[in-house]
Each structure stands twice: as C-alpha cells, then as structure tokens.
C-alpha atoms as a PDB file:
ATOM      1  CA  MET A   1      91.399 100.083 105.467  1.00  0.00           C
ATOM      2  CA  LEU A   2      91.795 102.232 102.343  1.00  0.00           C
ATOM      3  CA  ASN A   3      89.700 105.064 103.762  1.00  0.00           C
ATOM      4  CA  ARG A   4      91.640 104.969 107.025  1.00  0.00           C
ATOM      5  CA  LEU A   5      94.940 105.182 105.146  1.00  0.00           C
ATOM      6  CA  ARG A   6      93.709 108.085 102.988  1.00  0.00           C
ATOM      7  CA  GLU A   7      92.422 110.040 105.967  1.00  0.00           C
ATOM      8  CA  ALA A   8      95.533 109.437 108.058  1.00  0.00           C
ATOM      9  CA  THR A   9      97.907 110.591 105.340  1.00  0.00           C
ATOM     10  CA  ALA A  10      95.958 113.305 103.517  1.00  0.00           C
ATOM     11  CA  GLU A  11      97.827 116.223 105.097  1.00  0.00           C
ATOM     12  CA  LEU A  12     101.270 114.643 104.680  1.00  0.00           C
ATOM     13  CA  HIS A  13     100.463 113.661 101.101  1.00  0.00           C
ATOM     14  CA  LYS A  14      99.426 117.193 100.174  1.00  0.00           C
ATOM     15  CA  LYS A  15     102.480 118.706 101.869  1.00  0.00           C
ATOM     16  CA  LEU A  16     104.870 116.304 100.156  1.00  0.00           C
ATOM     17  CA  GLU A  17     103.371 116.932  96.712  1.00  0.00           C
ATOM     18  CA  GLY A  18     104.249 120.609  97.064  1.00  0.00           C
ATOM     19  CA  GLU A  19     107.796 120.077  98.294  1.00  0.00           C
ATOM     20  CA  ASN A  20     109.646 118.069  95.661  1.00  0.00           C
ATOM     21  CA  LEU A  21     111.268 118.514  92.288  1.00  0.00           C
ATOM     22  CA  ALA A  22     108.430 116.728  90.458  1.00  0.00           C
ATOM     23  CA  ASN A  23     106.592 120.061  90.351  1.00  0.00           C
ATOM     24  CA  LYS A  24     109.356 121.325  88.061  1.00  0.00           C
ATOM     25  CA  ILE A  25     108.488 118.521  85.641  1.00  0.00           C
ATOM     26  CA  VAL A  26     104.839 119.514  85.678  1.00  0.00           C
ATOM     27  CA  ASP A  27     105.670 123.174  84.937  1.00  0.00           C
ATOM     28  CA  HIS A  28     108.474 122.109  82.531  1.00  0.00           C
ATOM     29  CA  SER A  29     111.178 124.114  84.350  1.00  0.00           C
ATOM     30  CA  ILE A  30     113.310 121.174  85.522  1.00  0.00           C
ATOM     31  CA  ASN A  31     116.896 120.815  84.306  1.00  0.00           C
ATOM     32  CA  LEU A  32     118.772 117.556  83.788  1.00  0.00           C
ATOM     33  CA  ASP A  33     120.691 117.717  87.094  1.00  0.00           C
ATOM     34  CA  GLU A  34     117.462 118.346  89.026  1.00  0.00           C
ATOM     35  CA  TYR A  35     115.827 115.418  87.242  1.00  0.00           C
ATOM     36  CA  LYS A  36     118.735 113.117  88.157  1.00  0.00           C
ATOM     37  CA  LEU A  37     118.440 114.299  91.756  1.00  0.00           C
ATOM     38  CA  LEU A  38     114.682 113.632  91.776  1.00  0.00           C
ATOM     39  CA  LEU A  39     115.234 110.105  90.469  1.00  0.00           C
ATOM     40  CA  TYR A  40     117.971 109.525  93.040  1.00  0.00           C
ATOM     41  CA  GLN A  41     115.805 110.813  95.898  1.00  0.00           C
ATOM     42  CA  ASN A  42     112.984 108.535  94.794  1.00  0.00           C
ATOM     43  CA  TYR A  43     115.395 105.613  94.470  1.00  0.00           C
ATOM     44  CA  LEU A  44     116.575 106.085  98.061  1.00  0.00           C
ATOM     45  CA  ALA A  45     113.004 106.073  99.367  1.00  0.00           C
ATOM     46  CA  TYR A  46     111.566 103.290  97.199  1.00  0.00           C
ATOM     47  CA  SER A  47     114.468 100.898  97.677  1.00  0.00           C
ATOM     48  CA  THR A  48     114.379 101.410 101.452  1.00  0.00           C
ATOM     49  CA  VAL A  49     110.642 100.710 101.657  1.00  0.00           C
ATOM     50  CA  GLU A  50     110.397  97.945  99.060  1.00  0.00           C
ATOM     51  CA  ASP A  51     113.073  95.916 100.852  1.00  0.00           C
ATOM     52  CA  GLN A  52     110.808  95.763 103.909  1.00  0.00           C
ATOM     53  CA  LEU A  53     107.639  94.617 102.141  1.00  0.00           C
ATOM     54  CA  LEU A  54     108.673  91.281 100.693  1.00  0.00           C
ATOM     55  CA  GLU A  55     108.630  89.461 104.020  1.00  0.00           C
ATOM     56  CA  PHE A  56     105.025  90.422 104.769  1.00  0.00           C
ATOM     57  CA  ILE A  57     103.326  90.851 101.403  1.00  0.00           C
ATOM     58  CA  PRO A  58     104.054  87.864  99.163  1.00  0.00           C
ATOM     59  CA  GLY A  59     104.442  88.812  95.533  1.00  0.00           C
ATOM     60  CA  GLN A  60     105.117  92.463  96.328  1.00  0.00           C
ATOM     61  CA  SER A  61     107.280  93.778  93.547  1.00  0.00           C
ATOM     62  CA  GLN A  62     110.456  95.800  93.810  1.00  0.00           C
ATOM     63  CA  ASP A  63     109.893  97.148  90.345  1.00  0.00           C
ATOM     64  CA  LYS A  64     109.853 100.843  91.260  1.00  0.00           C
ATOM     65  CA  SER A  65     113.357 100.877  92.712  1.00  0.00           C
ATOM     66  CA  GLU A  66     114.565  98.696  89.825  1.00  0.00           C
ATOM     67  CA  LYS A  67     113.068 101.114  87.278  1.00  0.00           C
ATOM     68  CA  LEU A  68     114.675 104.061  89.062  1.00  0.00           C
ATOM     69  CA  LYS A  69     118.001 102.245  89.191  1.00  0.00           C
ATOM     70  CA  ASN A  70     117.744 101.542  85.453  1.00  0.00           C
ATOM     71  CA  ASP A  71     116.964 105.175  84.607  1.00  0.00           C
ATOM     72  CA  LEU A  72     119.815 106.429  86.804  1.00  0.00           C
ATOM     73  CA  SER A  73     122.195 103.910  85.259  1.00  0.00           C
ATOM     74  CA  GLU A  74     121.230 105.146  81.776  1.00  0.00           C
ATOM     75  CA  MET A  75     122.337 108.604  82.935  1.00  0.00           C
ATOM     76  CA  GLY A  76     125.678 107.341  84.250  1.00  0.00           C
ATOM     77  CA  MET A  77     124.829 106.889  87.936  1.00  0.00           C
ATOM     78  CA  THR A  78     125.912 103.437  89.049  1.00  0.00           C
ATOM     79  CA  ASN A  79     126.861 101.669  92.281  1.00  0.00           C
ATOM     80  CA  LEU A  80     123.493 102.404  93.851  1.00  0.00           C
ATOM     81  CA  ASP A  81     123.172  99.023  95.585  1.00  0.00           C
ATOM     82  CA  SER A  82     125.060 100.168  98.641  1.00  0.00           C
ATOM     83  CA  GLU A  83     122.942 103.279  99.131  1.00  0.00           C
ATOM     84  CA  SER A  84     120.883 103.322 102.302  1.00  0.00           C
ATOM     85  CA  LEU A  85     120.560 106.539 104.211  1.00  0.00           C
ATOM     86  CA  PHE A  86     117.431 105.830 106.228  1.00  0.00           C
ATOM     87  CA  GLU A  87     116.303 103.596 109.052  1.00  0.00           C
ATOM     88  CA  PHE A  88     112.994 101.979 108.184  1.00  0.00           C
ATOM     89  CA  SER A  89     111.435  98.651 109.015  1.00  0.00           C
ATOM     90  CA  CYS A  90     108.105  96.868 108.998  1.00  0.00           C
ATOM     91  CA  LYS A  91     107.438  94.551 111.925  1.00  0.00           C
ATOM     92  CA  ASN A  92     104.240  92.925 110.650  1.00  0.00           C
ATOM     93  CA  GLU A  93     101.833  92.679 107.762  1.00  0.00           C
ATOM     94  CA  ALA A  94      99.745  95.676 108.865  1.00  0.00           C
ATOM     95  CA  GLU A  95     102.782  97.955 108.844  1.00  0.00           C
ATOM     96  CA  ALA A  96     103.812  96.586 105.443  1.00  0.00           C
ATOM     97  CA  ILE A  97     100.324  97.378 104.133  1.00  0.00           C
ATOM     98  CA  GLY A  98     100.683 100.982 105.315  1.00  0.00           C
ATOM     99  CA  ALA A  99     104.065 101.329 103.612  1.00  0.00           C
ATOM    100  CA  ALA A 100     102.809  99.635 100.432  1.00  0.00           C
ATOM    101  CA  TYR A 101      99.868 102.047 100.317  1.00  0.00           C
ATOM    102  CA  VAL A 102     102.306 104.937  99.955  1.00  0.00           C
ATOM    103  CA  ILE A 103     104.583 103.417  97.338  1.00  0.00           C
ATOM    104  CA  GLU A 104     101.837 101.814  95.269  1.00  0.00           C
ATOM    105  CA  GLY A 105      99.629 104.884  95.494  1.00  0.00           C
ATOM    106  CA  SER A 106     102.450 107.065  94.225  1.00  0.00           C
ATOM    107  CA  ALA A 107     102.114 105.358  90.852  1.00  0.00           C
ATOM    108  CA  MET A 108      99.061 107.485  90.069  1.00  0.00           C
ATOM    109  CA  GLY A 109     101.013 110.731  90.393  1.00  0.00           C
ATOM    110  CA  GLY A 110     104.019 109.141  88.723  1.00  0.00           C
ATOM    111  CA  MET A 111     101.950 108.338  85.658  1.00  0.00           C
ATOM    112  CA  ILE A 112     100.860 111.975  85.351  1.00  0.00           C
ATOM    113  CA  ILE A 113     104.409 113.230  85.893  1.00  0.00           C
ATOM    114  CA  GLY A 114     105.691 110.737  83.331  1.00  0.00           C
ATOM    115  CA  LYS A 115     103.469 112.253  80.664  1.00  0.00           C
ATOM    116  CA  GLU A 116     105.076 115.635  81.325  1.00  0.00           C
ATOM    117  CA  VAL A 117     108.714 114.438  81.157  1.00  0.00           C
ATOM    118  CA  LYS A 118     108.618 114.337  77.360  1.00  0.00           C
ATOM    119  CA  LYS A 119     107.343 117.930  77.294  1.00  0.00           C
ATOM    120  CA  CYS A 120     110.375 119.280  79.206  1.00  0.00           C
ATOM    121  CA  ASP A 121     112.916 120.785  76.811  1.00  0.00           C
ATOM    122  CA  SER A 122     115.838 119.907  79.089  1.00  0.00           C
ATOM    123  CA  LEU A 123     114.791 116.218  79.177  1.00  0.00           C
ATOM    124  CA  LYS A 124     114.057 115.679  75.484  1.00  0.00           C
ATOM    125  CA  ASN A 125     117.327 113.786  74.883  1.00  0.00           C
ATOM    126  CA  LEU A 126     116.814 111.249  77.666  1.00  0.00           C
ATOM    127  CA  PRO A 127     116.534 107.600  76.750  1.00  0.00           C
ATOM    128  CA  GLU A 128     113.055 106.107  77.202  1.00  0.00           C
ATOM    129  CA  GLN A 129     112.262 106.373  80.915  1.00  0.00           C
ATOM    130  CA  THR A 130     111.084 103.332  82.837  1.00  0.00           C
ATOM    131  CA  PHE A 131     110.023 104.989  86.112  1.00  0.00           C
ATOM    132  CA  PHE A 132     108.354 108.187  84.910  1.00  0.00           C
ATOM    133  CA  ASN A 133     107.136 106.556  81.718  1.00  0.00           C
ATOM    134  CA  GLY A 134     103.606 107.970  81.628  1.00  0.00           C
ATOM    135  CA  THR A 135     101.937 104.657  80.774  1.00  0.00           C
ATOM    136  CA  ARG A 136      98.979 102.989  82.471  1.00  0.00           C
ATOM    137  CA  ASP A 137     101.247  99.984  83.007  1.00  0.00           C
ATOM    138  CA  SER A 138     102.757 101.880  85.933  1.00  0.00           C
ATOM    139  CA  ILE A 139      99.532 101.571  87.967  1.00  0.00           C
ATOM    140  CA  LYS A 140      99.274  97.772  87.784  1.00  0.00           C
ATOM    141  CA  GLY A 141     100.818  97.471  91.251  1.00  0.00           C
ATOM    142  CA  TRP A 142      98.241  99.886  92.670  1.00  0.00           C
ATOM    143  CA  ASN A 143      95.391  97.886  91.170  1.00  0.00           C
ATOM    144  CA  GLU A 144      96.823  94.640  92.591  1.00  0.00           C
ATOM    145  CA  PHE A 145      97.241  96.315  95.983  1.00  0.00           C
ATOM    146  CA  LEU A 146      93.599  97.466  95.957  1.00  0.00           C
ATOM    147  CA  LYS A 147      92.470  93.947  95.066  1.00  0.00           C
ATOM    148  CA  PHE A 148      94.519  92.611  98.005  1.00  0.00           C
ATOM    149  CA  LEU A 149      92.986  95.160 100.419  1.00  0.00           C
ATOM    150  CA  ARG A 150      89.454  94.370  99.292  1.00  0.00           C
ATOM    151  CA  SER A 151      89.992  90.624  99.689  1.00  0.00           C
ATOM    152  CA  ARG A 152      89.936  90.715 103.481  1.00  0.00           C
ATOM    153  CA  GLU A 153      88.828  92.381 106.658  1.00  0.00           C
ATOM    154  CA  PHE A 154      91.129  94.221 109.043  1.00  0.00           C
ATOM    155  CA  THR A 155      90.904  94.811 112.774  1.00  0.00           C
ATOM    156  CA  GLU A 156      90.981  98.323 114.210  1.00  0.00           C
ATOM    157  CA  LYS A 157      94.475  97.590 115.562  1.00  0.00           C
ATOM    158  CA  GLU A 158      95.676  96.567 112.069  1.00  0.00           C
ATOM    159  CA  LYS A 159      94.169  99.718 110.592  1.00  0.00           C
ATOM    160  CA  GLU A 160      95.916 101.822 113.227  1.00  0.00           C
ATOM    161  CA  LEU A 161      99.279 100.114 112.659  1.00  0.00           C
ATOM    162  CA  ALA A 162      98.938 100.515 108.887  1.00  0.00           C
ATOM    163  CA  ALA A 163      97.954 104.193 109.149  1.00  0.00           C
ATOM    164  CA  ASN A 164     100.900 104.963 111.432  1.00  0.00           C
ATOM    165  CA  LYS A 165     103.341 103.199 109.097  1.00  0.00           C
ATOM    166  CA  ALA A 166     101.881 105.005 106.079  1.00  0.00           C
ATOM    167  CA  LYS A 167     102.537 108.324 107.840  1.00  0.00           C
ATOM    168  CA  GLU A 168     106.075 107.192 108.670  1.00  0.00           C
ATOM    169  CA  THR A 169     106.576 106.229 105.013  1.00  0.00           C
ATOM    170  CA  PHE A 170     105.493 109.666 103.827  1.00  0.00           C
ATOM    171  CA  LYS A 171     107.985 111.167 106.295  1.00  0.00           C
ATOM    172  CA  LEU A 172     110.718 108.924 104.864  1.00  0.00           C
ATOM    173  CA  PHE A 173     109.932 110.291 101.388  1.00  0.00           C
ATOM    174  CA  GLU A 174     110.082 113.805 102.832  1.00  0.00           C
ATOM    175  CA  LYS A 175     113.582 113.074 104.167  1.00  0.00           C
ATOM    176  CA  ALA A 176     114.606 111.599 100.817  1.00  0.00           C
ATOM    177  CA  PHE A 177     113.361 114.691  98.974  1.00  0.00           C
ATOM    178  CA  ASN A 178     115.716 116.768 101.135  1.00  0.00           C
ATOM    179  CA  VAL A 179     118.794 114.771 100.148  1.00  0.00           C
ATOM    180  CA  GLU A 180     121.231 116.570  97.874  1.00  0.00           C
ATOM    181  CA  PHE A 181     124.027 114.904  95.936  1.00  0.00           C
ATOM    182  CA  SER A 182     126.516 116.584  98.295  1.00  0.00           C
ATOM    183  CA  ASN A 183     124.887 114.758 101.263  1.00  0.00           C
ATOM    184  CA  CYS A 184     125.756 111.380  99.770  1.00  0.00           C
END
C-alpha cells in the first residue's frame, strides 16, 4: 500500500512542495503576514481532511488542525471553527487511508520546516509554535500510521481507492495554498 501511495502521488507531492509559502521559511525570507497565511492555508486543509478520517480510522488524531488553530489563535486569529471552503469526503476506509497518508506524511516536511522557523528574523518574536515546532514528536502520527499499514493486507481495489484519494488530498492542499486572506 505504501509504495502504491508514494508512486501515485510523487508528481503532485513534488509540485506542491515548490508552490507554497513554506519555501520562504526554508530560505528565511518569509514575513509575519505570509507565515500567518501559511498557517491559515494549512489549517483549512488539515481541518477539512481530519474531520473525514475519524469515522474510518479509529484513534486518528485531529492534532494537526488543533495545533494550527492554537498557533493562529496566539497570533490573534480566532473564530476558525466555522471555516470550511472545500468539499471533501471519504466514503470508506481505503479512501481515509489515502487521505491520512498525505496528512501524516506531511509531518516529515513539517519537522524540517519547524527547525527553520526559529532562524527567520521576522518570526523570532513568535510564541513557541505547536505546528511547525521542529521536534521529532511531530512524526509520531506518521509512525503510528505506518504501523497500521503494515499490520494488514490490502486488495488491489483498496490500493486504487487509497491512491486516488491521496491524489485528491494533495489537490485539496493545492487549493488551500492558493487561498488568500481576501478570499475568506
């Protein structure tokens, strides 16, 4: 399953990595407003996807959207609960696995980005960040997800459904990364 998901999403993953504000964290050129926008864009995507996983993957955490909400709140952005700009649903466990692959896998990049946040001059005065925190703790969900995948076998149909939903999830993130504050 994991190989199928990687292969199916490799092109979208690479494209998305090059098209969002996180690159400005890595090169230390991001300003505070851009950082807030990046957190908001991520919040929109994560909260949309995480809401759909609970029904099909018991114990799936909503910690990423909660961490983003906390960081945004610390910067004065509140009333995020009503935000939902995207249509997205999972109809079965296989689709939920595909969506979870994207959000749990993002923790690896998020950990690297988190280490760079503290090196950005414009972000030095931020309170301690919970989403882009740069700690290994942020990949616990990924490790649990891998353990779950390895614990069972999947049919070709399940692999196909999961791969298609993973691609759809990457496209949802792409839409989120195009949202501007003026669109909201």
